[in-house]
C-alpha cells in the first residue's frame, strides 16, 4: 500500500520541526539577552539607527492643562458667540454617559491676541516674552489625546497608556540612546509632581531599571530647593569619612552580588549606587548657578519674584543639556488635587502661571540659541490636555478638553515659525492636521534618530513600544 504523502507520523513531525524549535528558542534567548549585552553597558552612548536632527530633549511640562484658546490658538468666533448657549460634545459627558450635544455657555478669552514675528503667529498677551521668540516655534494646533481626568491623561502624556504600567518617554530615550556623560543619568526630571501617576511618569516599568528618570527635587518643595539633590554630603563634610562610608556600601553591594549572581534587580541597584557615587561628584557643580553671569540670571528671571523658581529649573535644564543628559523634563506643577493650570473656576489665574513661566521659557530658548544648542536640542512645551471654549457649569473657568489643544516644539529639526493643524471655529475639537499624542511621541523619537516601530522591548511574551500599535510621524513639521 502506498503511504499517503499528506500523513505524517509524530516522530517525523518532531524531526522536521526540531530545527524550528531551536530557532525559536535562540531568538527568545537573544531578545532576552540583548539589553545586557549592549557595548559599554546599558547607558553607553549609542549611535541612532537613522540620521538624527536632535541629540536631546527638554520637555517643559505645564501640569494641569493650559487653555489653548487663551494662549496660542486664536479664535475670533469666541468674541462673537460670547455668552450664547450652544451644543457641544462635552468630554466628561461622553466619557460618563455617552451624552452628546450638551448645552454650554461660550466664554471668550479675557486676553487679547496679536500677531508676532516675521511668521505672524498669534499669541495672547499672557505670553509677551514667548511671543518675541515665536519665529523659533512650531505650533501643533490639532492635538488630541486619551483620558479626561488628570491622572490618566498625564500617564498617557508620559507613557503612552492611561492605565497599564509602561515605560515613560524619557526612559525609552535613555534605552535607545544612552547618556553622553557616564557620571550623569540619561534622563533627569526636575521638580516632578508626586500626583497623577507620580513616579510612573518617570519610571522605567519593564525596561532595565537604570533607564528610569532621576528626580532632582519635587514639586511643592521650599522655594529655592527644587533643583537640589537630596542626600549629597553637606558642605564642610570630611571627604575621608564620606569615602569610608562609600567603601562600606560598595563592600556590602559586592557581597549581595555574590549572593545573587546575574540577578538583574540586584545589578540595577548596585549600578544605581555606583552612578550615585559618580553623580555626587559632578551634579553639585552643574546645579550651582552662581557661576552664571548676572545677565544670564536676568534672562531667566532669576531673582525676580514670580519667575525665580521656574527660572532656576530652566537654567538647570540648559546646564544638564550641556553636560550630556539626553532627556530633561522641567515640571511647572504642584502636588495638589487641582494642578496649577487647572482653572475650573477663576480663569484669570492663568495670568499667575503665565507670569511665572513666560520669561524663563523664553530665556531658555534664547540661551540655547546663543550657545548653539537649539539646533540639536528639541524643546517641547505642553500639558496633558487643553481646556474647553465654554464655561464649566456656567461659571468662570474652563473644563478639561482632550479633543483639541495646542503644544509647541522648537529647535531639533522642526520647522520654525510654522503652525500645523487646527481646531474648529471655537477651538473645541481638532479638525485639520489632527495629531494624536501617539503621533507626537513617534515624531519626537524620529527626530532623535529612533524608529518608534523598531524601538521595542520584549516583555511578557511580546514586543512593546512607546506607541503600542499606533503612531505616525508628523512629517509636515520636519524641517
Protein backbone atom coordinates (compact mmCIF):
# COMPACT_ATOMS: atom_id res chain seq x y z
CA UNK A 1 0.00 0.00 0.00
CA UNK A 2 1.39 3.39 -0.98
CA UNK A 3 1.78 5.70 2.04
CA UNK A 4 -0.40 8.80 1.99
CA UNK A 5 2.01 11.72 1.36
CA UNK A 6 -0.20 14.04 3.42
CA UNK A 7 0.03 11.88 6.53
CA UNK A 8 2.95 12.24 8.92
CA UNK A 9 3.92 10.26 11.98
CA UNK A 10 4.51 12.02 15.26
CA UNK A 11 8.22 11.12 15.12
CA UNK A 12 8.60 12.53 11.61
CA UNK A 13 6.84 15.73 12.65
CA UNK A 14 9.23 16.23 15.56
CA UNK A 15 12.28 15.56 13.37
CA UNK A 16 11.17 18.09 10.75
CA UNK A 17 10.16 20.73 13.30
CA UNK A 18 13.21 20.30 15.52
CA UNK A 19 15.26 22.97 13.81
CA UNK A 20 12.33 25.35 14.03
CA UNK A 21 12.04 24.85 17.80
CA UNK A 22 15.74 25.56 18.12
CA UNK A 23 15.46 28.73 16.09
CA UNK A 24 12.57 29.96 18.23
CA UNK A 25 14.48 29.26 21.43
CA UNK A 26 17.58 31.02 20.12
CA UNK A 27 15.50 34.05 19.12
CA UNK A 28 13.94 34.28 22.57
CA UNK A 29 17.33 33.97 24.26
CA UNK A 30 18.81 36.63 22.03
CA UNK A 31 15.93 39.00 22.73
CA UNK A 32 16.21 38.46 26.48
CA UNK A 33 19.96 38.90 26.46
CA UNK A 34 20.10 41.97 24.24
CA UNK A 35 19.62 44.63 26.96
CA UNK A 36 22.53 43.28 28.97
CA UNK A 37 24.88 42.89 26.01
CA UNK A 38 24.96 46.48 24.79
CA UNK A 39 28.60 47.51 24.22
CA UNK A 40 29.90 49.55 27.13
CA UNK A 41 26.88 48.91 29.37
CA UNK A 42 23.21 49.90 29.28
CA UNK A 43 23.86 53.65 29.44
CA UNK A 44 26.73 53.81 26.96
CA UNK A 45 26.08 56.40 24.23
CA UNK A 46 24.76 54.77 21.07
CA UNK A 47 24.52 55.92 17.50
CA UNK A 48 20.85 56.00 16.44
CA UNK A 49 19.87 53.79 13.50
CA UNK A 50 18.97 56.78 11.30
CA UNK A 51 20.16 60.36 10.91
CA UNK A 52 19.16 62.38 13.98
CA UNK A 53 18.20 66.05 13.94
CA UNK A 54 18.20 66.28 17.73
CA UNK A 55 20.58 64.90 20.35
CA UNK A 56 18.47 65.67 23.39
CA UNK A 57 15.00 66.77 24.54
CA UNK A 58 13.86 69.38 27.06
CA UNK A 59 10.20 68.84 27.96
CA UNK A 60 8.55 71.83 29.65
CA UNK A 61 5.53 70.17 31.27
CA UNK A 62 2.71 72.60 32.05
CA UNK A 63 0.82 70.43 34.53
CA UNK A 64 -2.94 70.82 34.66
CA UNK A 65 -3.75 71.72 31.06
CA UNK A 66 -3.24 75.33 29.92
CA UNK A 67 -6.05 76.70 27.79
CA UNK A 68 -5.25 76.73 24.08
CA UNK A 69 -7.88 79.39 23.32
CA UNK A 70 -6.28 81.74 25.88
CA UNK A 71 -2.66 81.21 24.83
CA UNK A 72 -1.74 80.24 21.25
CA UNK A 73 -4.98 79.23 19.43
CA UNK A 74 -6.69 82.47 18.46
CA UNK A 75 -10.46 82.09 17.93
CA UNK A 76 -12.27 85.33 17.00
CA UNK A 77 -15.58 83.40 16.98
CA UNK A 78 -15.42 83.23 20.78
CA UNK A 79 -15.88 87.01 20.84
CA UNK A 80 -18.88 86.83 18.52
CA UNK A 81 -20.59 84.00 20.42
CA UNK A 82 -19.61 85.02 23.97
CA UNK A 83 -22.45 84.33 26.37
CA UNK A 84 -24.50 82.29 23.90
CA UNK A 85 -25.60 78.78 24.79
CA UNK A 86 -24.52 76.27 22.17
CA UNK A 87 -24.43 72.48 21.92
CA UNK A 88 -21.04 70.82 22.50
CA UNK A 89 -19.85 67.24 22.78
CA UNK A 90 -18.70 67.55 26.38
CA UNK A 91 -15.72 65.26 27.08
CA UNK A 92 -16.87 64.29 30.57
CA UNK A 93 -20.44 63.65 29.48
CA UNK A 94 -19.23 61.50 26.61
CA UNK A 95 -16.94 59.54 28.93
CA UNK A 96 -19.50 59.08 31.71
CA UNK A 97 -22.85 58.74 29.94
CA UNK A 98 -22.23 58.90 26.19
CA UNK A 99 -24.37 62.03 26.01
CA UNK A 100 -23.77 64.33 23.03
CA UNK A 101 -24.73 67.90 22.31
CA UNK A 102 -24.92 69.22 25.87
CA UNK A 103 -25.80 72.91 26.17
CA UNK A 104 -22.92 75.11 27.34
CA UNK A 105 -22.26 78.86 27.57
CA UNK A 106 -19.47 80.12 25.30
CA UNK A 107 -16.75 82.01 27.19
CA UNK A 108 -14.48 84.42 25.33
CA UNK A 109 -10.84 84.85 26.28
CA UNK A 110 -10.10 87.62 28.80
CA UNK A 111 -6.81 88.29 26.96
CA UNK A 112 -6.17 89.99 23.62
CA UNK A 113 -4.28 88.21 20.83
CA UNK A 114 -1.78 89.78 18.45
CA UNK A 115 0.34 88.55 15.56
CA UNK A 116 4.07 88.39 16.26
CA UNK A 117 7.34 87.93 14.42
CA UNK A 118 8.02 87.51 10.75
CA UNK A 119 5.81 84.41 10.78
CA UNK A 120 2.82 86.40 12.05
CA UNK A 121 1.77 83.75 14.55
CA UNK A 122 -0.98 84.60 17.03
CA UNK A 123 -0.03 84.77 20.73
CA UNK A 124 -2.14 86.12 23.58
CA UNK A 125 -0.92 88.86 25.89
CA UNK A 126 -0.39 86.18 28.54
CA UNK A 127 2.99 85.35 26.96
CA UNK A 128 4.79 88.54 25.87
CA UNK A 129 8.28 87.01 26.19
CA UNK A 130 7.50 83.79 24.31
CA UNK A 131 5.78 85.97 21.68
CA UNK A 132 9.18 87.53 20.91
CA UNK A 133 10.56 84.02 20.21
CA UNK A 134 7.60 82.97 18.04
CA UNK A 135 9.72 82.61 14.89
CA UNK A 136 11.56 79.73 16.60
CA UNK A 137 8.36 77.83 17.39
CA UNK A 138 6.45 75.10 15.60
CA UNK A 139 2.83 75.02 16.81
CA UNK A 140 0.72 71.86 16.84
CA UNK A 141 -2.86 73.12 16.96
CA UNK A 142 -4.61 69.84 16.12
CA UNK A 143 -3.54 67.66 19.06
CA UNK A 144 -5.90 65.23 20.75
CA UNK A 145 -5.28 62.62 23.42
CA UNK A 146 -6.70 59.95 25.74
CA UNK A 147 -8.12 60.48 29.21
CA UNK A 148 -10.50 63.14 30.54
CA UNK A 149 -9.10 63.30 34.09
CA UNK A 150 -5.60 64.47 35.03
CA UNK A 151 -4.38 61.06 36.20
CA UNK A 152 -4.94 59.00 33.05
CA UNK A 153 -4.16 61.92 30.71
CA UNK A 154 -0.86 62.65 32.49
CA UNK A 155 0.13 58.99 32.34
CA UNK A 156 -0.73 58.90 28.64
CA UNK A 157 1.34 62.02 28.01
CA UNK A 158 4.39 60.44 29.65
CA UNK A 159 3.95 56.72 28.98
CA UNK A 160 1.55 56.33 26.05
CA UNK A 161 -1.00 54.47 28.19
CA UNK A 162 -3.78 55.58 30.52
CA UNK A 163 -3.83 52.53 32.78
CA UNK A 164 -1.13 49.91 32.06
CA UNK A 165 2.28 50.29 33.71
CA UNK A 166 4.52 51.30 30.80
CA UNK A 167 7.95 52.93 30.48
CA UNK A 168 8.00 56.70 30.26
CA UNK A 169 9.15 58.58 27.17
CA UNK A 170 12.39 59.67 28.85
CA UNK A 171 13.15 56.05 29.76
CA UNK A 172 12.62 54.94 26.15
CA UNK A 173 15.02 57.69 25.00
CA UNK A 174 17.60 56.61 27.56
CA UNK A 175 17.16 52.97 26.50
CA UNK A 176 17.60 53.88 22.84
CA UNK A 177 20.44 56.40 23.09
CA UNK A 178 22.15 56.07 26.48
CA UNK A 179 23.83 59.09 28.04
CA UNK A 180 26.70 61.24 26.81
CA UNK A 181 28.09 61.58 30.35
CA UNK A 182 28.83 58.45 32.35
CA UNK A 183 28.64 60.43 35.59
CA UNK A 184 25.05 61.52 34.95
CA UNK A 185 21.77 59.73 34.21
CA UNK A 186 20.38 59.65 30.70
CA UNK A 187 17.05 61.01 31.98
CA UNK A 188 16.57 63.72 34.62
CA UNK A 189 13.24 65.14 35.80
CA UNK A 190 13.30 68.48 37.61
CA UNK A 191 10.69 69.07 40.32
CA UNK A 192 8.25 66.34 39.19
CA UNK A 193 4.81 66.13 40.76
CA UNK A 194 4.05 63.22 43.08
CA UNK A 195 0.40 63.22 42.00
CA UNK A 196 -1.46 61.98 38.91
CA UNK A 197 0.73 58.94 38.35
CA UNK A 198 3.69 60.09 40.42
CA UNK A 199 6.84 58.06 39.85
CA UNK A 200 5.23 56.13 36.98
CA UNK A 201 5.58 59.30 34.90
CA UNK A 202 9.36 58.98 35.03
CA UNK A 203 9.57 55.23 35.66
CA UNK A 204 11.17 52.56 33.51
CA UNK A 205 8.46 49.89 34.12
CA UNK A 206 9.79 46.69 32.48
CA UNK A 207 12.83 48.36 30.86
CA UNK A 208 16.10 47.88 32.77
CA UNK A 209 15.84 49.96 35.92
CA UNK A 210 18.92 52.00 35.01
CA UNK A 211 16.78 53.87 32.46
CA UNK A 212 14.28 55.30 34.93
CA UNK A 213 14.33 59.08 35.43
CA UNK A 214 16.33 60.60 38.26
CA UNK A 215 14.28 63.25 40.10
CA UNK A 216 16.09 66.41 41.20
CA UNK A 217 13.79 67.96 43.79
CA UNK A 218 9.99 67.59 43.82
CA UNK A 219 7.08 69.91 43.13
CA UNK A 220 5.86 71.87 46.12
CA UNK A 221 9.19 71.95 47.96
CA UNK A 222 10.52 75.02 49.72
CA UNK A 223 11.35 77.71 47.14
CA UNK A 224 14.98 77.53 46.09
CA UNK A 225 15.26 73.78 46.71
CA UNK A 226 13.51 72.48 43.60
CA UNK A 227 16.73 71.73 41.70
CA UNK A 228 18.71 70.30 44.59
CA UNK A 229 19.68 66.68 45.05
CA UNK A 230 18.91 65.10 48.39
CA UNK A 231 21.45 63.06 50.36
CA UNK A 232 24.54 64.82 48.98
CA UNK A 233 27.31 65.37 51.55
CA UNK A 234 26.84 68.73 53.18
CA UNK A 235 29.38 71.49 52.72
CA UNK A 236 32.25 71.02 55.14
CA UNK A 237 31.86 67.23 55.38
CA UNK A 238 35.04 65.27 55.93
CA UNK A 239 35.86 63.78 52.49
CA UNK A 240 37.67 60.83 54.08
CA UNK A 241 34.61 59.96 56.18
CA UNK A 242 32.42 60.19 53.08
CA UNK A 243 34.82 57.91 51.23
CA UNK A 244 34.83 55.36 54.07
CA UNK A 245 31.03 55.22 54.07
CA UNK A 246 31.05 54.66 50.32
CA UNK A 247 33.68 51.90 50.59
CA UNK A 248 31.50 50.18 53.20
CA UNK A 249 28.43 50.43 50.96
CA UNK A 250 30.42 49.14 47.98
CA UNK A 251 31.61 46.15 50.03
CA UNK A 252 28.06 45.31 51.07
CA UNK A 253 26.93 45.59 47.44
CA UNK A 254 29.70 43.21 46.35
CA UNK A 255 28.53 40.69 48.94
CA UNK A 256 24.97 40.91 47.63
CA UNK A 257 26.22 40.44 44.06
CA UNK A 258 27.96 37.23 45.10
CA UNK A 259 24.80 36.03 46.82
CA UNK A 260 22.61 36.64 43.73
CA UNK A 261 24.92 36.38 40.72
CA UNK A 262 23.33 37.58 37.50
CA UNK A 263 20.16 38.87 39.18
CA UNK A 264 19.05 41.89 37.11
CA UNK A 265 17.30 43.62 40.00
CA UNK A 266 20.38 43.36 42.23
CA UNK A 267 22.62 44.52 39.39
CA UNK A 268 20.36 47.53 38.79
CA UNK A 269 20.51 48.54 42.46
CA UNK A 270 24.29 48.20 42.53
CA UNK A 271 24.59 50.19 39.31
CA UNK A 272 22.40 52.93 40.83
CA UNK A 273 24.76 53.13 43.84
CA UNK A 274 27.80 53.34 41.57
CA UNK A 275 26.23 56.03 39.42
CA UNK A 276 25.06 57.88 42.52
CA UNK A 277 28.65 58.00 43.77
CA UNK A 278 29.82 59.47 40.47
CA UNK A 279 26.78 61.76 40.35
CA UNK A 280 27.59 63.43 43.64
CA UNK A 281 30.98 64.49 42.32
CA UNK A 282 29.57 66.22 39.22
CA UNK A 283 25.94 67.19 39.79
CA UNK A 284 26.51 69.83 42.51
CA UNK A 285 28.64 71.91 40.14
CA UNK A 286 26.02 71.62 37.40
CA UNK A 287 23.22 72.68 39.75
CA UNK A 288 25.25 75.56 41.22
CA UNK A 289 24.04 78.58 39.26
CA UNK A 290 26.43 81.00 40.99
CA UNK A 291 28.89 80.75 38.11
CA UNK A 292 26.36 82.22 35.66
CA UNK A 293 26.61 85.89 34.72
CA UNK A 294 24.09 88.41 36.09
CA UNK A 295 22.87 88.91 32.52
CA UNK A 296 22.11 85.20 32.14
CA UNK A 297 20.33 85.04 35.50
CA UNK A 298 18.21 88.01 34.47
CA UNK A 299 17.45 86.35 31.12
CA UNK A 300 15.68 83.54 33.03
CA UNK A 301 14.02 85.87 35.55
CA UNK A 302 16.08 84.51 38.45
CA UNK A 303 15.86 86.79 41.48
CA UNK A 304 12.70 88.43 40.15
CA UNK A 305 9.96 87.09 42.40
CA UNK A 306 7.35 85.16 40.39
CA UNK A 307 9.86 83.85 37.83
CA UNK A 308 12.69 82.92 40.19
CA UNK A 309 11.76 79.31 40.93
CA UNK A 310 10.88 78.17 37.40
CA UNK A 311 13.77 80.23 36.04
CA UNK A 312 16.19 78.21 38.16
CA UNK A 313 14.72 74.99 36.82
CA UNK A 314 15.00 76.13 33.20
CA UNK A 315 18.61 77.25 33.66
CA UNK A 316 19.46 73.95 35.35
CA UNK A 317 17.93 72.19 32.33
CA UNK A 318 20.26 74.05 29.99
CA UNK A 319 23.28 73.12 32.12
CA UNK A 320 22.21 69.46 32.19
CA UNK A 321 21.89 69.52 28.39
CA UNK A 322 25.42 70.87 28.11
CA UNK A 323 26.62 68.13 30.45
CA UNK A 324 25.26 65.35 28.22
CA UNK A 325 21.86 64.38 29.65
CA UNK A 326 19.59 63.08 26.87
CA UNK A 327 16.14 63.87 28.27
CA UNK A 328 15.43 66.67 30.73
CA UNK A 329 11.90 67.28 31.97
CA UNK A 330 11.02 70.51 33.75
CA UNK A 331 7.66 70.47 35.52
CA UNK A 332 5.67 73.56 36.36
CA UNK A 333 3.27 72.00 38.81
CA UNK A 334 2.46 71.04 42.36
CA UNK A 335 1.12 68.07 44.30
CA UNK A 336 -2.45 69.30 44.82
CA UNK A 337 -5.62 67.65 43.55
CA UNK A 338 -6.05 70.59 41.15
CA UNK A 339 -2.73 71.25 39.39
CA UNK A 340 -1.61 74.79 38.66
CA UNK A 341 -3.08 75.32 35.18
CA UNK A 342 -6.36 73.63 36.18
CA UNK A 343 -8.72 76.62 36.23
CA UNK A 344 -12.19 75.09 36.52
CA UNK A 345 -13.16 78.43 38.02
CA UNK A 346 -11.36 81.76 38.16
CA UNK A 347 -9.82 81.53 34.66
CA UNK A 348 -7.87 84.79 35.25
CA UNK A 349 -5.49 82.77 37.44
CA UNK A 350 -3.93 81.63 34.16
CA UNK A 351 -2.17 85.00 34.31
CA UNK A 352 -0.38 83.98 37.53
CA UNK A 353 1.05 80.87 35.93
CA UNK A 354 1.90 82.56 32.65
CA UNK A 355 3.79 85.25 34.56
CA UNK A 356 5.81 82.57 36.39
CA UNK A 357 6.78 80.63 33.25
CA UNK A 358 6.80 83.04 30.29
CA UNK A 359 10.15 84.74 30.84
CA UNK A 360 12.03 81.59 31.96
CA UNK A 361 10.85 79.63 28.89
CA UNK A 362 11.75 82.47 26.51
CA UNK A 363 15.08 82.80 28.30
CA UNK A 364 15.81 79.12 27.82
CA UNK A 365 15.12 79.37 24.08
CA UNK A 366 17.36 82.42 23.73
CA UNK A 367 20.15 80.90 25.83
CA UNK A 368 20.11 77.65 23.84
CA UNK A 369 20.24 79.66 20.61
CA UNK A 370 23.19 81.79 21.79
CA UNK A 371 25.17 78.71 22.75
CA UNK A 372 24.48 76.86 19.52
CA UNK A 373 22.42 74.23 21.35
CA UNK A 374 18.97 74.96 19.95
CA UNK A 375 19.89 73.42 16.61
CA UNK A 376 20.23 69.94 18.12
CA UNK A 377 18.06 70.33 21.23
CA UNK A 378 14.33 69.65 20.85
CA UNK A 379 12.26 71.80 23.21
CA UNK A 380 8.66 70.69 23.82
CA UNK A 381 6.10 72.83 25.69
CA UNK A 382 2.66 71.49 26.61
CA UNK A 383 0.23 69.99 29.09
CA UNK A 384 -1.73 66.75 29.35
CA UNK A 385 -4.74 68.25 27.52
CA UNK A 386 -6.35 71.62 26.78
CA UNK A 387 -9.48 73.34 28.00
CA UNK A 388 -13.00 73.88 26.73
CA UNK A 389 -14.10 77.05 24.90
CA UNK A 390 -17.19 77.18 27.11
CA UNK A 391 -17.63 78.00 30.79
CA UNK A 392 -17.76 74.98 33.05
CA UNK A 393 -21.18 74.85 34.77
CA UNK A 394 -21.81 78.40 33.52
CA UNK A 395 -19.08 79.60 35.86
CA UNK A 396 -15.81 81.49 35.41
CA UNK A 397 -13.47 78.70 34.32
CA UNK A 398 -12.99 76.01 31.69
CA UNK A 399 -13.21 72.21 31.92
CA UNK A 400 -10.72 69.62 30.62
CA UNK A 401 -10.55 69.18 26.86
CA UNK A 402 -8.66 66.19 25.40
CA UNK A 403 -10.33 66.62 21.98
CA UNK A 404 -8.36 69.58 20.71
CA UNK A 405 -5.42 71.52 22.15
CA UNK A 406 -2.05 73.08 21.37
CA UNK A 407 1.58 72.28 22.13
CA UNK A 408 4.69 73.69 20.52
CA UNK A 409 8.16 72.47 19.62
CA UNK A 410 11.37 74.38 18.93
CA UNK A 411 14.82 73.51 17.61
CA UNK A 412 15.96 69.97 16.88
CA UNK A 413 14.80 69.62 13.28
CA UNK A 414 11.27 71.11 13.30
CA UNK A 415 10.06 73.94 11.06
CA UNK A 416 10.48 77.31 12.77
CA UNK A 417 7.68 79.86 12.66
CA UNK A 418 5.30 77.14 11.49
CA UNK A 419 1.79 76.10 12.54
CA UNK A 420 0.32 72.68 11.85
CA UNK A 421 -3.32 71.62 12.24
CA UNK A 422 -6.34 73.47 13.55
CA UNK A 423 -9.27 73.16 15.90
CA UNK A 424 -12.84 74.08 14.91
CA UNK A 425 -14.19 77.63 14.86
CA UNK A 426 -14.50 77.79 18.63
CA UNK A 427 -11.32 75.88 19.48
CA UNK A 428 -13.04 72.79 20.83
CA UNK A 429 -12.11 69.78 18.66
CA UNK A 430 -9.16 69.15 16.35
CA UNK A 431 -10.43 69.14 12.76
CA UNK A 432 -7.41 69.74 10.49
CA UNK A 433 -3.97 68.16 10.68
CA UNK A 434 -5.21 66.07 13.58
CA UNK A 435 -2.32 64.63 15.59
CA UNK A 436 -2.83 62.06 18.30
CA UNK A 437 -0.34 62.10 21.15
CA UNK A 438 0.97 58.77 19.78
CA UNK A 439 1.90 60.71 16.63
CA UNK A 440 3.76 63.32 18.67
CA UNK A 441 5.69 60.59 20.51
CA UNK A 442 6.57 58.93 17.20
CA UNK A 443 7.79 62.28 15.85
CA UNK A 444 9.94 63.04 18.90
CA UNK A 445 11.66 59.67 18.58
CA UNK A 446 12.09 60.18 14.82
CA UNK A 447 13.86 63.50 15.38
CA UNK A 448 16.23 61.71 17.77
CA UNK A 449 17.04 59.17 15.05
CA UNK A 450 14.89 56.41 16.54
CA UNK A 451 12.16 54.46 14.76
CA UNK A 452 9.13 54.21 17.06
CA UNK A 453 8.16 50.89 15.43
CA UNK A 454 11.61 49.33 15.95
CA UNK A 455 12.46 50.69 19.41
CA UNK A 456 10.97 47.72 21.25
CA UNK A 457 11.49 45.64 24.36
CA UNK A 458 10.27 42.07 24.81
CA UNK A 459 8.18 41.62 27.94
CA UNK A 460 5.55 39.03 28.84
CA UNK A 461 5.92 37.27 25.52
CA UNK A 462 5.58 40.20 23.14
CA UNK A 463 7.47 43.23 21.91
CA UNK A 464 6.35 46.50 23.48
CA UNK A 465 6.95 50.03 22.25
CA UNK A 466 6.07 53.54 23.38
CA UNK A 467 3.37 53.98 20.74
CA UNK A 468 2.00 50.43 21.13
CA UNK A 469 0.46 49.63 17.70
CA UNK A 470 -0.26 53.26 16.80
CA UNK A 471 1.50 56.44 15.77
CA UNK A 472 2.61 58.17 12.57
CA UNK A 473 5.49 60.62 12.24
CA UNK A 474 4.14 64.17 11.63
CA UNK A 475 6.25 64.76 8.55
CA UNK A 476 4.73 68.14 7.70
CA UNK A 477 6.55 69.74 10.65
CA UNK A 478 10.02 68.36 9.82
CA UNK A 479 12.50 70.97 8.62
